[in-house]
Amino acid sequence: MAVDPVCKMTVDPPRAPAQSTYRGQTYYFCAVSCKQAFDKEPEKYLAQSSGR
C-alpha cells in the first residue's frame, strides 16, 4: 500500500486512479485532483510528509 502525499489516504498502487513520478520516485493518488495538486507543488507535499 502507498499513502497519497496530498490527502494522506492509503492507496493500493495497482488500483490507484492516478500516479506521478517526481525525482525518480513514483507517487500514487486516490484521485486525479490530488495528482493535479501534487504536480503543481510537489515540494510542498513532500515537505509535509517528511515532517520538515
PDB file of N, CA and C in Angstrom:
ATOM      1  N   MET A   1       0.840  -1.182   0.000  1.00  0.00           N
ATOM      2  CA  MET A   1       0.000   0.000   0.000  1.00  0.00           C
ATOM      3  C   MET A   1       0.890   1.253   0.000  1.00  0.00           C
ATOM      4  N   ALA A   2       0.334   2.305  -0.521  1.00  0.00           N
ATOM      5  CA  ALA A   2       1.038   3.585  -0.579  1.00  0.00           C
ATOM      6  C   ALA A   2       0.157   4.641   0.083  1.00  0.00           C
ATOM      7  N   VAL A   3       0.741   5.783   0.403  1.00  0.00           N
ATOM      8  CA  VAL A   3      -0.011   6.884   1.000  1.00  0.00           C
ATOM      9  C   VAL A   3      -0.008   8.052   0.023  1.00  0.00           C
ATOM     10  N   ASP A   4      -1.197   8.536  -0.290  1.00  0.00           N
ATOM     11  CA  ASP A   4      -1.351   9.712  -1.149  1.00  0.00           C
ATOM     12  C   ASP A   4      -0.673  10.884  -0.430  1.00  0.00           C
ATOM     13  N   PRO A   5       0.347  11.519  -1.041  1.00  0.00           N
ATOM     14  CA  PRO A   5       1.064  12.596  -0.353  1.00  0.00           C
ATOM     15  C   PRO A   5       0.239  13.862  -0.164  1.00  0.00           C
ATOM     16  N   VAL A   6      -0.874  13.984  -0.858  1.00  0.00           N
ATOM     17  CA  VAL A   6      -1.698  15.186  -0.744  1.00  0.00           C
ATOM     18  C   VAL A   6      -2.708  15.046   0.394  1.00  0.00           C
ATOM     19  N   CYS A   7      -3.533  13.998   0.350  1.00  0.00           N
ATOM     20  CA  CYS A   7      -4.614  13.851   1.332  1.00  0.00           C
ATOM     21  C   CYS A   7      -4.325  12.814   2.402  1.00  0.00           C
ATOM     22  N   LYS A   8      -3.212  12.086   2.255  1.00  0.00           N
ATOM     23  CA  LYS A   8      -2.760  11.072   3.218  1.00  0.00           C
ATOM     24  C   LYS A   8      -3.624   9.808   3.251  1.00  0.00           C
ATOM     25  N   MET A   9      -4.481   9.617   2.270  1.00  0.00           N
ATOM     26  CA  MET A   9      -5.258   8.379   2.199  1.00  0.00           C
ATOM     27  C   MET A   9      -4.358   7.226   1.777  1.00  0.00           C
ATOM     28  N   THR A  10      -4.695   6.026   2.223  1.00  0.00           N
ATOM     29  CA  THR A  10      -3.980   4.830   1.798  1.00  0.00           C
ATOM     30  C   THR A  10      -4.492   4.436   0.417  1.00  0.00           C
ATOM     31  N   VAL A  11      -3.561   4.118  -0.482  1.00  0.00           N
ATOM     32  CA  VAL A  11      -3.891   3.810  -1.867  1.00  0.00           C
ATOM     33  C   VAL A  11      -3.234   2.483  -2.260  1.00  0.00           C
ATOM     34  N   ASP A  12      -3.987   1.635  -2.937  1.00  0.00           N
ATOM     35  CA  ASP A  12      -3.450   0.386  -3.477  1.00  0.00           C
ATOM     36  C   ASP A  12      -2.839   0.723  -4.843  1.00  0.00           C
ATOM     37  N   PRO A  13      -1.516   0.709  -4.983  1.00  0.00           N
ATOM     38  CA  PRO A  13      -0.893   1.167  -6.236  1.00  0.00           C
ATOM     39  C   PRO A  13      -1.490   0.588  -7.525  1.00  0.00           C
ATOM     40  N   PRO A  14      -1.767  -0.717  -7.618  1.00  0.00           N
ATOM     41  CA  PRO A  14      -2.319  -1.210  -8.880  1.00  0.00           C
ATOM     42  C   PRO A  14      -3.713  -0.659  -9.207  1.00  0.00           C
ATOM     43  N   ARG A  15      -4.414  -0.167  -8.191  1.00  0.00           N
ATOM     44  CA  ARG A  15      -5.775   0.344  -8.405  1.00  0.00           C
ATOM     45  C   ARG A  15      -5.863   1.865  -8.302  1.00  0.00           C
ATOM     46  N   ALA A  16      -4.737   2.532  -8.117  1.00  0.00           N
ATOM     47  CA  ALA A  16      -4.729   3.985  -7.950  1.00  0.00           C
ATOM     48  C   ALA A  16      -5.251   4.681  -9.205  1.00  0.00           C
ATOM     49  N   PRO A  17      -6.144   5.649  -9.033  1.00  0.00           N
ATOM     50  CA  PRO A  17      -6.679   6.383 -10.188  1.00  0.00           C
ATOM     51  C   PRO A  17      -5.644   7.254 -10.902  1.00  0.00           C
ATOM     52  N   ALA A  18      -4.552   7.590 -10.188  1.00  0.00           N
ATOM     53  CA  ALA A  18      -3.536   8.462 -10.792  1.00  0.00           C
ATOM     54  C   ALA A  18      -2.187   8.213 -10.131  1.00  0.00           C
ATOM     55  N   GLN A  19      -1.129   8.546 -10.884  1.00  0.00           N
ATOM     56  CA  GLN A  19       0.227   8.454 -10.338  1.00  0.00           C
ATOM     57  C   GLN A  19       1.110   9.472 -11.023  1.00  0.00           C
ATOM     58  N   SER A  20       2.169   9.863 -10.326  1.00  0.00           N
ATOM     59  CA  SER A  20       3.169  10.793 -10.861  1.00  0.00           C
ATOM     60  C   SER A  20       4.540  10.293 -10.447  1.00  0.00           C
ATOM     61  N   THR A  21       5.517  10.611 -11.273  1.00  0.00           N
ATOM     62  CA  THR A  21       6.893  10.321 -10.925  1.00  0.00           C
ATOM     63  C   THR A  21       7.595  11.653 -10.727  1.00  0.00           C
ATOM     64  N   TYR A  22       8.274  11.786  -9.587  1.00  0.00           N
ATOM     65  CA  TYR A  22       8.990  13.010  -9.260  1.00  0.00           C
ATOM     66  C   TYR A  22      10.329  12.620  -8.677  1.00  0.00           C
ATOM     67  N   ARG A  23      11.405  13.111  -9.265  1.00  0.00           N
ATOM     68  CA  ARG A  23      12.773  12.814  -8.836  1.00  0.00           C
ATOM     69  C   ARG A  23      13.013  11.307  -8.701  1.00  0.00           C
ATOM     70  N   GLY A  24      12.498  10.555  -9.671  1.00  0.00           N
ATOM     71  CA  GLY A  24      12.740   9.128  -9.715  1.00  0.00           C
ATOM     72  C   GLY A  24      11.853   8.289  -8.818  1.00  0.00           C
ATOM     73  N   GLN A  25      10.968   8.918  -8.065  1.00  0.00           N
ATOM     74  CA  GLN A  25      10.065   8.210  -7.151  1.00  0.00           C
ATOM     75  C   GLN A  25       8.643   8.293  -7.700  1.00  0.00           C
ATOM     76  N   THR A  26       7.921   7.183  -7.650  1.00  0.00           N
ATOM     77  CA  THR A  26       6.530   7.175  -8.100  1.00  0.00           C
ATOM     78  C   THR A  26       5.617   7.375  -6.904  1.00  0.00           C
ATOM     79  N   TYR A  27       4.670   8.277  -7.058  1.00  0.00           N
ATOM     80  CA  TYR A  27       3.674   8.578  -6.024  1.00  0.00           C
ATOM     81  C   TYR A  27       2.300   8.211  -6.575  1.00  0.00           C
ATOM     82  N   TYR A  28       1.466   7.660  -5.703  1.00  0.00           N
ATOM     83  CA  TYR A  28       0.136   7.204  -6.093  1.00  0.00           C
ATOM     84  C   TYR A  28      -0.912   8.058  -5.397  1.00  0.00           C
ATOM     85  N   PHE A  29      -2.017   8.279  -6.112  1.00  0.00           N
ATOM     86  CA  PHE A  29      -3.045   9.197  -5.631  1.00  0.00           C
ATOM     87  C   PHE A  29      -4.422   8.546  -5.633  1.00  0.00           C
ATOM     88  N   CYS A  30      -5.257   8.977  -4.691  1.00  0.00           N
ATOM     89  CA  CYS A  30      -6.609   8.429  -4.573  1.00  0.00           C
ATOM     90  C   CYS A  30      -7.535   9.040  -5.621  1.00  0.00           C
ATOM     91  N   ALA A  31      -7.144  10.195  -6.171  1.00  0.00           N
ATOM     92  CA  ALA A  31      -7.979  10.890  -7.142  1.00  0.00           C
ATOM     93  C   ALA A  31      -7.104  11.751  -8.057  1.00  0.00           C
ATOM     94  N   VAL A  32      -7.616  12.031  -9.227  1.00  0.00           N
ATOM     95  CA  VAL A  32      -6.897  12.869 -10.187  1.00  0.00           C
ATOM     96  C   VAL A  32      -6.667  14.264  -9.609  1.00  0.00           C
ATOM     97  N   SER A  33      -7.607  14.765  -8.813  1.00  0.00           N
ATOM     98  CA  SER A  33      -7.446  16.103  -8.233  1.00  0.00           C
ATOM     99  C   SER A  33      -6.236  16.162  -7.295  1.00  0.00           C
ATOM    100  N   CYS A  34      -5.971  15.083  -6.562  1.00  0.00           N
ATOM    101  CA  CYS A  34      -4.778  15.049  -5.700  1.00  0.00           C
ATOM    102  C   CYS A  34      -3.511  15.051  -6.552  1.00  0.00           C
ATOM    103  N   LYS A  35      -3.512  14.310  -7.646  1.00  0.00           N
ATOM    104  CA  LYS A  35      -2.362  14.292  -8.555  1.00  0.00           C
ATOM    105  C   LYS A  35      -2.110  15.695  -9.115  1.00  0.00           C
ATOM    106  N   GLN A  36      -3.167  16.368  -9.514  1.00  0.00           N
ATOM    107  CA  GLN A  36      -3.019  17.707 -10.082  1.00  0.00           C
ATOM    108  C   GLN A  36      -2.435  18.682  -9.057  1.00  0.00           C
ATOM    109  N   ALA A  37      -2.881  18.586  -7.812  1.00  0.00           N
ATOM    110  CA  ALA A  37      -2.345  19.451  -6.758  1.00  0.00           C
ATOM    111  C   ALA A  37      -0.863  19.146  -6.539  1.00  0.00           C
ATOM    112  N   PHE A  38      -0.514  17.862  -6.488  1.00  0.00           N
ATOM    113  CA  PHE A  38       0.879  17.453  -6.299  1.00  0.00           C
ATOM    114  C   PHE A  38       1.748  17.938  -7.455  1.00  0.00           C
ATOM    115  N   ASP A  39       1.277  17.765  -8.680  1.00  0.00           N
ATOM    116  CA  ASP A  39       2.069  18.158  -9.848  1.00  0.00           C
ATOM    117  C   ASP A  39       2.360  19.653  -9.868  1.00  0.00           C
ATOM    118  N   LYS A  40       1.475  20.476  -9.295  1.00  0.00           N
ATOM    119  CA  LYS A  40       1.699  21.919  -9.248  1.00  0.00           C
ATOM    120  C   LYS A  40       2.762  22.301  -8.229  1.00  0.00           C
ATOM    121  N   GLU A  41       2.778  21.611  -7.078  1.00  0.00           N
ATOM    122  CA  GLU A  41       3.698  21.962  -5.984  1.00  0.00           C
ATOM    123  C   GLU A  41       4.196  20.714  -5.254  1.00  0.00           C
ATOM    124  N   PRO A  42       4.954  19.860  -5.923  1.00  0.00           N
ATOM    125  CA  PRO A  42       5.369  18.609  -5.267  1.00  0.00           C
ATOM    126  C   PRO A  42       6.163  18.812  -3.987  1.00  0.00           C
ATOM    127  N   GLU A  43       7.034  19.804  -3.956  1.00  0.00           N
ATOM    128  CA  GLU A  43       7.859  20.030  -2.763  1.00  0.00           C
ATOM    129  C   GLU A  43       7.012  20.388  -1.543  1.00  0.00           C
ATOM    130  N   LYS A  44       5.916  21.086  -1.762  1.00  0.00           N
ATOM    131  CA  LYS A  44       5.013  21.446  -0.667  1.00  0.00           C
ATOM    132  C   LYS A  44       4.497  20.184   0.025  1.00  0.00           C
ATOM    133  N   TYR A  45       4.072  19.204  -0.745  1.00  0.00           N
ATOM    134  CA  TYR A  45       3.501  17.984  -0.174  1.00  0.00           C
ATOM    135  C   TYR A  45       4.571  17.040   0.349  1.00  0.00           C
ATOM    136  N   LEU A  46       5.716  17.000  -0.275  1.00  0.00           N
ATOM    137  CA  LEU A  46       6.785  16.137   0.207  1.00  0.00           C
ATOM    138  C   LEU A  46       7.376  16.675   1.510  1.00  0.00           C
ATOM    139  N   ALA A  47       7.460  17.970   1.665  1.00  0.00           N
ATOM    140  CA  ALA A  47       7.957  18.566   2.901  1.00  0.00           C
ATOM    141  C   ALA A  47       7.001  18.246   4.050  1.00  0.00           C
ATOM    142  N   GLN A  48       5.706  18.255   3.784  1.00  0.00           N
ATOM    143  CA  GLN A  48       4.711  17.938   4.813  1.00  0.00           C
ATOM    144  C   GLN A  48       4.837  16.487   5.247  1.00  0.00           C
ATOM    145  N   SER A  49       5.047  15.586   4.287  1.00  0.00           N
ATOM    146  CA  SER A  49       5.087  14.170   4.616  1.00  0.00           C
ATOM    147  C   SER A  49       6.366  13.765   5.339  1.00  0.00           C
ATOM    148  N   SER A  50       7.422  14.538   5.184  1.00  0.00           N
ATOM    149  CA  SER A  50       8.681  14.185   5.849  1.00  0.00           C
ATOM    150  C   SER A  50       8.841  14.909   7.195  1.00  0.00           C
ATOM    151  N   GLY A  51       7.879  15.752   7.531  1.00  0.00           N
ATOM    152  CA  GLY A  51       7.928  16.447   8.808  1.00  0.00           C
ATOM    153  C   GLY A  51       8.815  17.678   8.809  1.00  0.00           C
ATOM    154  N   ARG A  52       9.222  18.160   7.641  1.00  0.00           N
ATOM    155  CA  ARG A  52      10.065  19.367   7.568  1.00  0.00           C
ATOM    156  C   ARG A  52       9.229  20.609   7.657  1.00  0.00           C
TER     157      ARG A  52
END
